[in-house]
Amino acid sequence: MVTEQYPDLKANENFLRLQSDLAALEEKINQSRRYYNGTVREYNQSRAVFPKNVVAGIFGFQDEVFFQEDPNAKTAPKISFS
């Protein structure tokens, strides 16, 4: 019986784990962004209702802005494995 003498390649498993970790990290970032924007929406809405709008006006509370991605963030960074 002839078998090929290839070493046990663990790099492929490590790369697949890296891809999985990056996908999980992206999902966590997306969830955090949605949570932040939801919280800002609730704050802005509650600030506009009486009597909170009066108190907010007296103390100078302003509407918060939603998180928006940097347009340059859409391009993936170059990664070198060498």
Protein backbone atom coordinates (compact mmCIF):
# COMPACT_ATOMS: atom_id res chain seq x y z
CA MET A 1 0.00 0.00 0.00
CA VAL A 2 1.37 3.39 -0.99
CA THR A 3 0.64 6.42 1.13
CA GLU A 4 1.71 9.96 0.48
CA GLN A 5 4.05 11.52 3.00
CA TYR A 6 2.32 14.84 3.58
CA PRO A 7 2.77 16.45 7.00
CA ASP A 8 -0.31 16.92 9.08
CA LEU A 9 -1.40 20.40 7.96
CA LYS A 10 -2.82 22.31 10.89
CA ALA A 11 -2.59 25.68 9.16
CA ASN A 12 -5.86 25.03 7.34
CA GLU A 13 -7.66 24.37 10.64
CA ASN A 14 -6.16 27.53 12.15
CA PHE A 15 -7.22 29.60 9.14
CA LEU A 16 -10.77 28.24 9.32
CA ARG A 17 -10.87 29.08 13.03
CA LEU A 18 -9.61 32.59 12.24
CA GLN A 19 -12.37 33.04 9.67
CA SER A 20 -14.94 31.84 12.18
CA ASP A 21 -13.61 34.19 14.87
CA LEU A 22 -13.67 37.15 12.46
CA ALA A 23 -17.25 36.38 11.45
CA ALA A 24 -18.28 36.19 15.12
CA LEU A 25 -16.52 39.48 15.85
CA GLU A 26 -18.27 41.18 12.93
CA GLU A 27 -21.61 39.93 14.24
CA LYS A 28 -20.88 41.28 17.74
CA ILE A 29 -19.92 44.66 16.29
CA ASN A 30 -23.12 44.74 14.25
CA GLN A 31 -25.21 43.85 17.31
CA SER A 32 -23.50 46.55 19.36
CA ARG A 33 -24.13 49.13 16.64
CA ARG A 34 -27.82 48.19 16.49
CA TYR A 35 -28.08 48.38 20.30
CA TYR A 36 -26.42 51.82 20.37
CA ASN A 37 -28.67 53.17 17.62
CA GLY A 38 -31.74 51.74 19.36
CA THR A 39 -30.74 53.39 22.62
CA VAL A 40 -30.16 56.72 20.87
CA ARG A 41 -33.57 56.43 19.18
CA GLU A 42 -35.28 55.78 22.55
CA TYR A 43 -33.42 58.70 24.16
CA ASN A 44 -34.33 61.11 21.36
CA GLN A 45 -37.97 60.02 21.43
CA SER A 46 -38.27 60.26 25.21
CA ARG A 47 -36.63 63.70 25.16
CA ALA A 48 -39.32 64.99 22.81
CA VAL A 49 -42.27 64.07 25.08
CA PHE A 50 -43.76 66.37 27.71
CA PRO A 51 -42.59 66.91 30.50
CA LYS A 52 -39.18 65.52 29.61
CA ASN A 53 -38.80 68.05 26.80
CA VAL A 54 -39.15 70.90 29.29
CA VAL A 55 -36.53 69.44 31.63
CA ALA A 56 -34.24 68.63 28.70
CA GLY A 57 -34.56 72.19 27.42
CA ILE A 58 -33.75 73.68 30.82
CA PHE A 59 -30.65 71.54 31.26
CA GLY A 60 -29.55 71.77 27.63
CA PHE A 61 -29.89 68.14 26.60
CA GLN A 62 -29.61 67.77 22.84
CA ASP A 63 -30.55 65.01 20.43
CA GLU A 64 -27.84 62.43 19.96
CA VAL A 65 -26.71 61.32 16.53
CA PHE A 66 -26.90 57.75 15.29
CA PHE A 67 -23.73 55.77 14.70
CA GLN A 68 -22.80 55.73 11.03
CA GLU A 69 -19.92 53.82 9.57
CA ASP A 70 -17.01 55.56 7.98
CA PRO A 71 -17.38 55.14 4.20
CA ASN A 72 -13.77 53.92 4.07
CA ALA A 73 -14.67 51.07 6.44
CA LYS A 74 -16.43 49.24 3.63
CA THR A 75 -13.12 48.24 2.09
CA ALA A 76 -11.40 45.36 3.84
CA PRO A 77 -7.89 45.95 5.11
CA LYS A 78 -5.03 44.10 3.45
CA ILE A 79 -3.85 41.17 5.54
CA SER A 80 -0.58 39.42 4.90
CA PHE A 81 0.16 35.96 6.29
CA SER A 82 3.80 35.95 5.30
